[in-house]
Amino acid sequence: MLALKAFREHDCAPGPAAHLEIEVKNPSVTHTIIARKIEEWLTGGAKSPKEAIEKRRLKELLDT
């Protein structure tokens, strides 16, 4: 999410079909996701109250 925010702040947001590589450290793991899938997940329904809160927090993060 922070990567999408950074791209948007510099007017170079990836297109909806862009593949983004996300690296999680400690232990190091790399995931490839499609930008459109992130948007679809954020705008989709939540399976639990916890997920609804997380989605709202991430949407707010992207909007700032």
PDB file of N, CA and C in Angstrom:
ATOM      1  N   MET A   1       0.809  -1.186   0.000  1.00  0.00           N
ATOM      2  CA  MET A   1       0.000   0.000   0.000  1.00  0.00           C
ATOM      3  C   MET A   1       0.861   1.262   0.000  1.00  0.00           C
ATOM      4  N   LEU A   2       1.926   1.230   0.774  1.00  0.00           N
ATOM      5  CA  LEU A   2       2.793   2.403   0.812  1.00  0.00           C
ATOM      6  C   LEU A   2       3.437   2.656  -0.538  1.00  0.00           C
ATOM      7  N   ALA A   3       3.736   1.583  -1.267  1.00  0.00           N
ATOM      8  CA  ALA A   3       4.328   1.748  -2.595  1.00  0.00           C
ATOM      9  C   ALA A   3       3.334   2.429  -3.535  1.00  0.00           C
ATOM     10  N   LEU A   4       2.072   2.004  -3.515  1.00  0.00           N
ATOM     11  CA  LEU A   4       1.063   2.643  -4.373  1.00  0.00           C
ATOM     12  C   LEU A   4       0.915   4.111  -4.008  1.00  0.00           C
ATOM     13  N   LYS A   5       0.927   4.415  -2.723  1.00  0.00           N
ATOM     14  CA  LYS A   5       0.820   5.801  -2.285  1.00  0.00           C
ATOM     15  C   LYS A   5       1.999   6.623  -2.813  1.00  0.00           C
ATOM     16  N   ALA A   6       3.202   6.084  -2.704  1.00  0.00           N
ATOM     17  CA  ALA A   6       4.386   6.791  -3.182  1.00  0.00           C
ATOM     18  C   ALA A   6       4.322   7.035  -4.686  1.00  0.00           C
ATOM     19  N   PHE A   7       3.897   6.032  -5.446  1.00  0.00           N
ATOM     20  CA  PHE A   7       3.759   6.213  -6.892  1.00  0.00           C
ATOM     21  C   PHE A   7       2.757   7.320  -7.199  1.00  0.00           C
ATOM     22  N   ARG A   8       1.608   7.297  -6.518  1.00  0.00           N
ATOM     23  CA  ARG A   8       0.571   8.299  -6.774  1.00  0.00           C
ATOM     24  C   ARG A   8       1.045   9.703  -6.424  1.00  0.00           C
ATOM     25  N   GLU A   9       1.803   9.835  -5.342  1.00  0.00           N
ATOM     26  CA  GLU A   9       2.305  11.144  -4.941  1.00  0.00           C
ATOM     27  C   GLU A   9       3.232  11.745  -5.992  1.00  0.00           C
ATOM     28  N   HIS A  10       3.850  10.903  -6.803  1.00  0.00           N
ATOM     29  CA  HIS A  10       4.770  11.372  -7.840  1.00  0.00           C
ATOM     30  C   HIS A  10       4.164  11.255  -9.237  1.00  0.00           C
ATOM     31  N   ASP A  11       2.838  11.174  -9.287  1.00  0.00           N
ATOM     32  CA  ASP A  11       2.099  11.119 -10.555  1.00  0.00           C
ATOM     33  C   ASP A  11       2.589  10.030 -11.502  1.00  0.00           C
ATOM     34  N   CYS A  12       2.936   8.882 -10.955  1.00  0.00           N
ATOM     35  CA  CYS A  12       3.345   7.770 -11.823  1.00  0.00           C
ATOM     36  C   CYS A  12       2.740   6.460 -11.301  1.00  0.00           C
ATOM     37  N   ALA A  13       1.450   6.531 -10.968  1.00  0.00           N
ATOM     38  CA  ALA A  13       0.759   5.347 -10.448  1.00  0.00           C
ATOM     39  C   ALA A  13       0.775   4.241 -11.496  1.00  0.00           C
ATOM     40  N   PRO A  14       1.001   3.000 -11.059  1.00  0.00           N
ATOM     41  CA  PRO A  14       0.981   1.884 -12.010  1.00  0.00           C
ATOM     42  C   PRO A  14      -0.429   1.652 -12.533  1.00  0.00           C
ATOM     43  N   GLY A  15      -0.516   1.144 -13.747  1.00  0.00           N
ATOM     44  CA  GLY A  15      -1.813   0.831 -14.325  1.00  0.00           C
ATOM     45  C   GLY A  15      -2.457  -0.337 -13.598  1.00  0.00           C
ATOM     46  N   PRO A  16      -3.749  -0.584 -13.841  1.00  0.00           N
ATOM     47  CA  PRO A  16      -4.464  -1.630 -13.123  1.00  0.00           C
ATOM     48  C   PRO A  16      -3.936  -3.039 -13.389  1.00  0.00           C
ATOM     49  N   ALA A  17      -3.258  -3.245 -14.496  1.00  0.00           N
ATOM     50  CA  ALA A  17      -2.734  -4.581 -14.799  1.00  0.00           C
ATOM     51  C   ALA A  17      -1.247  -4.712 -14.449  1.00  0.00           C
ATOM     52  N   ALA A  18      -0.679  -3.687 -13.827  1.00  0.00           N
ATOM     53  CA  ALA A  18       0.741  -3.718 -13.477  1.00  0.00           C
ATOM     54  C   ALA A  18       1.006  -4.802 -12.430  1.00  0.00           C
ATOM     55  N   HIS A  19       2.110  -5.476 -12.570  1.00  0.00           N
ATOM     56  CA  HIS A  19       2.532  -6.472 -11.587  1.00  0.00           C
ATOM     57  C   HIS A  19       3.525  -5.793 -10.646  1.00  0.00           C
ATOM     58  N   LEU A  20       3.229  -5.843  -9.370  1.00  0.00           N
ATOM     59  CA  LEU A  20       4.089  -5.220  -8.377  1.00  0.00           C
ATOM     60  C   LEU A  20       4.768  -6.310  -7.570  1.00  0.00           C
ATOM     61  N   GLU A  21       6.049  -6.158  -7.315  1.00  0.00           N
ATOM     62  CA  GLU A  21       6.765  -7.106  -6.459  1.00  0.00           C
ATOM     63  C   GLU A  21       6.884  -6.490  -5.079  1.00  0.00           C
ATOM     64  N   ILE A  22       6.434  -7.237  -4.083  1.00  0.00           N
ATOM     65  CA  ILE A  22       6.448  -6.789  -2.705  1.00  0.00           C
ATOM     66  C   ILE A  22       7.411  -7.676  -1.939  1.00  0.00           C
ATOM     67  N   GLU A  23       8.406  -7.082  -1.285  1.00  0.00           N
ATOM     68  CA  GLU A  23       9.364  -7.855  -0.496  1.00  0.00           C
ATOM     69  C   GLU A  23       9.114  -7.600   0.981  1.00  0.00           C
ATOM     70  N   VAL A  24       8.910  -8.680   1.715  1.00  0.00           N
ATOM     71  CA  VAL A  24       8.732  -8.614   3.157  1.00  0.00           C
ATOM     72  C   VAL A  24      10.017  -9.107   3.785  1.00  0.00           C
ATOM     73  N   LYS A  25      10.579  -8.311   4.680  1.00  0.00           N
ATOM     74  CA  LYS A  25      11.850  -8.698   5.287  1.00  0.00           C
ATOM     75  C   LYS A  25      11.629  -9.330   6.655  1.00  0.00           C
ATOM     76  N   ASN A  26      12.574 -10.172   7.005  1.00  0.00           N
ATOM     77  CA  ASN A  26      12.640 -10.831   8.314  1.00  0.00           C
ATOM     78  C   ASN A  26      11.517 -11.824   8.534  1.00  0.00           C
ATOM     79  N   PRO A  27      11.522 -12.944   7.923  1.00  0.00           N
ATOM     80  CA  PRO A  27      12.425 -13.404   6.881  1.00  0.00           C
ATOM     81  C   PRO A  27      12.035 -12.787   5.539  1.00  0.00           C
ATOM     82  N   SER A  28      12.992 -12.699   4.642  1.00  0.00           N
ATOM     83  CA  SER A  28      12.768 -12.067   3.359  1.00  0.00           C
ATOM     84  C   SER A  28      11.906 -12.948   2.455  1.00  0.00           C
ATOM     85  N   VAL A  29      10.788 -12.382   1.981  1.00  0.00           N
ATOM     86  CA  VAL A  29       9.869 -13.072   1.079  1.00  0.00           C
ATOM     87  C   VAL A  29       9.425 -12.052   0.042  1.00  0.00           C
ATOM     88  N   THR A  30       9.359 -12.440  -1.224  1.00  0.00           N
ATOM     89  CA  THR A  30       8.895 -11.546  -2.279  1.00  0.00           C
ATOM     90  C   THR A  30       7.605 -12.104  -2.862  1.00  0.00           C
ATOM     91  N   HIS A  31       6.599 -11.233  -2.988  1.00  0.00           N
ATOM     92  CA  HIS A  31       5.313 -11.595  -3.577  1.00  0.00           C
ATOM     93  C   HIS A  31       5.083 -10.714  -4.792  1.00  0.00           C
ATOM     94  N   THR A  32       4.494 -11.264  -5.842  1.00  0.00           N
ATOM     95  CA  THR A  32       4.111 -10.474  -7.006  1.00  0.00           C
ATOM     96  C   THR A  32       2.591 -10.416  -7.028  1.00  0.00           C
ATOM     97  N   ILE A  33       2.065  -9.192  -7.066  1.00  0.00           N
ATOM     98  CA  ILE A  33       0.620  -9.000  -7.086  1.00  0.00           C
ATOM     99  C   ILE A  33       0.269  -8.045  -8.212  1.00  0.00           C
ATOM    100  N   ILE A  34      -0.971  -8.088  -8.654  1.00  0.00           N
ATOM    101  CA  ILE A  34      -1.449  -7.223  -9.721  1.00  0.00           C
ATOM    102  C   ILE A  34      -2.154  -6.037  -9.068  1.00  0.00           C
ATOM    103  N   ALA A  35      -1.792  -4.826  -9.503  1.00  0.00           N
ATOM    104  CA  ALA A  35      -2.331  -3.608  -8.900  1.00  0.00           C
ATOM    105  C   ALA A  35      -3.859  -3.621  -8.867  1.00  0.00           C
ATOM    106  N   ARG A  36      -4.482  -4.076  -9.936  1.00  0.00           N
ATOM    107  CA  ARG A  36      -5.944  -4.120 -10.009  1.00  0.00           C
ATOM    108  C   ARG A  36      -6.529  -4.973  -8.892  1.00  0.00           C
ATOM    109  N   LYS A  37      -5.836  -6.064  -8.538  1.00  0.00           N
ATOM    110  CA  LYS A  37      -6.320  -6.952  -7.488  1.00  0.00           C
ATOM    111  C   LYS A  37      -6.345  -6.257  -6.130  1.00  0.00           C
ATOM    112  N   ILE A  38      -5.371  -5.370  -5.893  1.00  0.00           N
ATOM    113  CA  ILE A  38      -5.360  -4.609  -4.645  1.00  0.00           C
ATOM    114  C   ILE A  38      -6.595  -3.717  -4.583  1.00  0.00           C
ATOM    115  N   GLU A  39      -6.857  -2.995  -5.676  1.00  0.00           N
ATOM    116  CA  GLU A  39      -8.021  -2.112  -5.717  1.00  0.00           C
ATOM    117  C   GLU A  39      -9.323  -2.911  -5.555  1.00  0.00           C
ATOM    118  N   GLU A  40      -9.415  -4.063  -6.215  1.00  0.00           N
ATOM    119  CA  GLU A  40     -10.615  -4.885  -6.101  1.00  0.00           C
ATOM    120  C   GLU A  40     -10.821  -5.362  -4.665  1.00  0.00           C
ATOM    121  N   TRP A  41      -9.739  -5.754  -4.020  1.00  0.00           N
ATOM    122  CA  TRP A  41      -9.841  -6.217  -2.635  1.00  0.00           C
ATOM    123  C   TRP A  41     -10.271  -5.073  -1.723  1.00  0.00           C
ATOM    124  N   LEU A  42      -9.685  -3.897  -1.928  1.00  0.00           N
ATOM    125  CA  LEU A  42     -10.032  -2.761  -1.078  1.00  0.00           C
ATOM    126  C   LEU A  42     -11.488  -2.340  -1.237  1.00  0.00           C
ATOM    127  N   THR A  43     -12.024  -2.439  -2.444  1.00  0.00           N
ATOM    128  CA  THR A  43     -13.398  -1.994  -2.677  1.00  0.00           C
ATOM    129  C   THR A  43     -14.414  -3.108  -2.465  1.00  0.00           C
ATOM    130  N   GLY A  44     -13.948  -4.335  -2.300  1.00  0.00           N
ATOM    131  CA  GLY A  44     -14.847  -5.457  -2.070  1.00  0.00           C
ATOM    132  C   GLY A  44     -15.328  -5.510  -0.627  1.00  0.00           C
ATOM    133  N   GLY A  45     -16.234  -6.408  -0.376  1.00  0.00           N
ATOM    134  CA  GLY A  45     -16.776  -6.582   0.965  1.00  0.00           C
ATOM    135  C   GLY A  45     -15.755  -7.180   1.919  1.00  0.00           C
ATOM    136  N   ALA A  46     -16.010  -6.967   3.191  1.00  0.00           N
ATOM    137  CA  ALA A  46     -15.120  -7.495   4.230  1.00  0.00           C
ATOM    138  C   ALA A  46     -15.730  -8.759   4.821  1.00  0.00           C
ATOM    139  N   LYS A  47     -14.872  -9.713   5.169  1.00  0.00           N
ATOM    140  CA  LYS A  47     -15.332 -10.983   5.734  1.00  0.00           C
ATOM    141  C   LYS A  47     -15.498 -10.910   7.243  1.00  0.00           C
ATOM    142  N   SER A  48     -14.940  -9.863   7.845  1.00  0.00           N
ATOM    143  CA  SER A  48     -15.023  -9.728   9.301  1.00  0.00           C
ATOM    144  C   SER A  48     -14.906  -8.256   9.665  1.00  0.00           C
ATOM    145  N   PRO A  49     -15.295  -7.898  10.878  1.00  0.00           N
ATOM    146  CA  PRO A  49     -15.112  -6.507  11.309  1.00  0.00           C
ATOM    147  C   PRO A  49     -13.642  -6.095  11.290  1.00  0.00           C
ATOM    148  N   LYS A  50     -12.762  -7.015  11.647  1.00  0.00           N
ATOM    149  CA  LYS A  50     -11.328  -6.716  11.645  1.00  0.00           C
ATOM    150  C   LYS A  50     -10.861  -6.364  10.224  1.00  0.00           C
ATOM    151  N   GLU A  51     -11.315  -7.143   9.232  1.00  0.00           N
ATOM    152  CA  GLU A  51     -10.925  -6.867   7.849  1.00  0.00           C
ATOM    153  C   GLU A  51     -11.509  -5.541   7.375  1.00  0.00           C
ATOM    154  N   ALA A  52     -12.731  -5.215   7.787  1.00  0.00           N
ATOM    155  CA  ALA A  52     -13.354  -3.943   7.410  1.00  0.00           C
ATOM    156  C   ALA A  52     -12.534  -2.766   7.950  1.00  0.00           C
ATOM    157  N   ILE A  53     -12.058  -2.884   9.175  1.00  0.00           N
ATOM    158  CA  ILE A  53     -11.242  -1.831   9.776  1.00  0.00           C
ATOM    159  C   ILE A  53      -9.927  -1.693   9.017  1.00  0.00           C
ATOM    160  N   GLU A  54      -9.312  -2.816   8.701  1.00  0.00           N
ATOM    161  CA  GLU A  54      -8.037  -2.797   7.967  1.00  0.00           C
ATOM    162  C   GLU A  54      -8.210  -2.168   6.586  1.00  0.00           C
ATOM    163  N   LYS A  55      -9.284  -2.537   5.879  1.00  0.00           N
ATOM    164  CA  LYS A  55      -9.526  -1.969   4.556  1.00  0.00           C
ATOM    165  C   LYS A  55      -9.753  -0.463   4.647  1.00  0.00           C
ATOM    166  N   ARG A  56     -10.520  -0.022   5.637  1.00  0.00           N
ATOM    167  CA  ARG A  56     -10.771   1.405   5.804  1.00  0.00           C
ATOM    168  C   ARG A  56      -9.460   2.149   6.080  1.00  0.00           C
ATOM    169  N   ARG A  57      -8.612   1.581   6.947  1.00  0.00           N
ATOM    170  CA  ARG A  57      -7.329   2.204   7.267  1.00  0.00           C
ATOM    171  C   ARG A  57      -6.448   2.313   6.022  1.00  0.00           C
ATOM    172  N   LEU A  58      -6.408   1.247   5.222  1.00  0.00           N
ATOM    173  CA  LEU A  58      -5.575   1.257   4.017  1.00  0.00           C
ATOM    174  C   LEU A  58      -6.121   2.213   2.967  1.00  0.00           C
ATOM    175  N   LYS A  59      -7.447   2.302   2.832  1.00  0.00           N
ATOM    176  CA  LYS A  59      -8.042   3.270   1.887  1.00  0.00           C
ATOM    177  C   LYS A  59      -7.674   4.689   2.289  1.00  0.00           C
ATOM    178  N   GLU A  60      -7.758   4.981   3.593  1.00  0.00           N
ATOM    179  CA  GLU A  60      -7.396   6.307   4.081  1.00  0.00           C
ATOM    180  C   GLU A  60      -5.928   6.598   3.811  1.00  0.00           C
ATOM    181  N   LEU A  61      -5.077   5.590   3.973  1.00  0.00           N
ATOM    182  CA  LEU A  61      -3.659   5.751   3.711  1.00  0.00           C
ATOM    183  C   LEU A  61      -3.410   6.098   2.250  1.00  0.00           C
ATOM    184  N   LEU A  62      -4.113   5.431   1.349  1.00  0.00           N
ATOM    185  CA  LEU A  62      -3.937   5.694  -0.084  1.00  0.00           C
ATOM    186  C   LEU A  62      -4.504   7.048  -0.489  1.00  0.00           C
ATOM    187  N   ASP A  63      -5.526   7.521   0.198  1.00  0.00           N
ATOM    188  CA  ASP A  63      -6.162   8.784  -0.158  1.00  0.00           C
ATOM    189  C   ASP A  63      -5.396   9.998   0.328  1.00  0.00           C
ATOM    190  N   THR A  64      -4.451   9.811   1.258  1.00  0.00           N
ATOM    191  CA  THR A  64      -3.722  10.973   1.798  1.00  0.00           C
ATOM    192  C   THR A  64      -2.503  11.287   0.971  1.00  0.00           C
TER     193      THR A  64
END
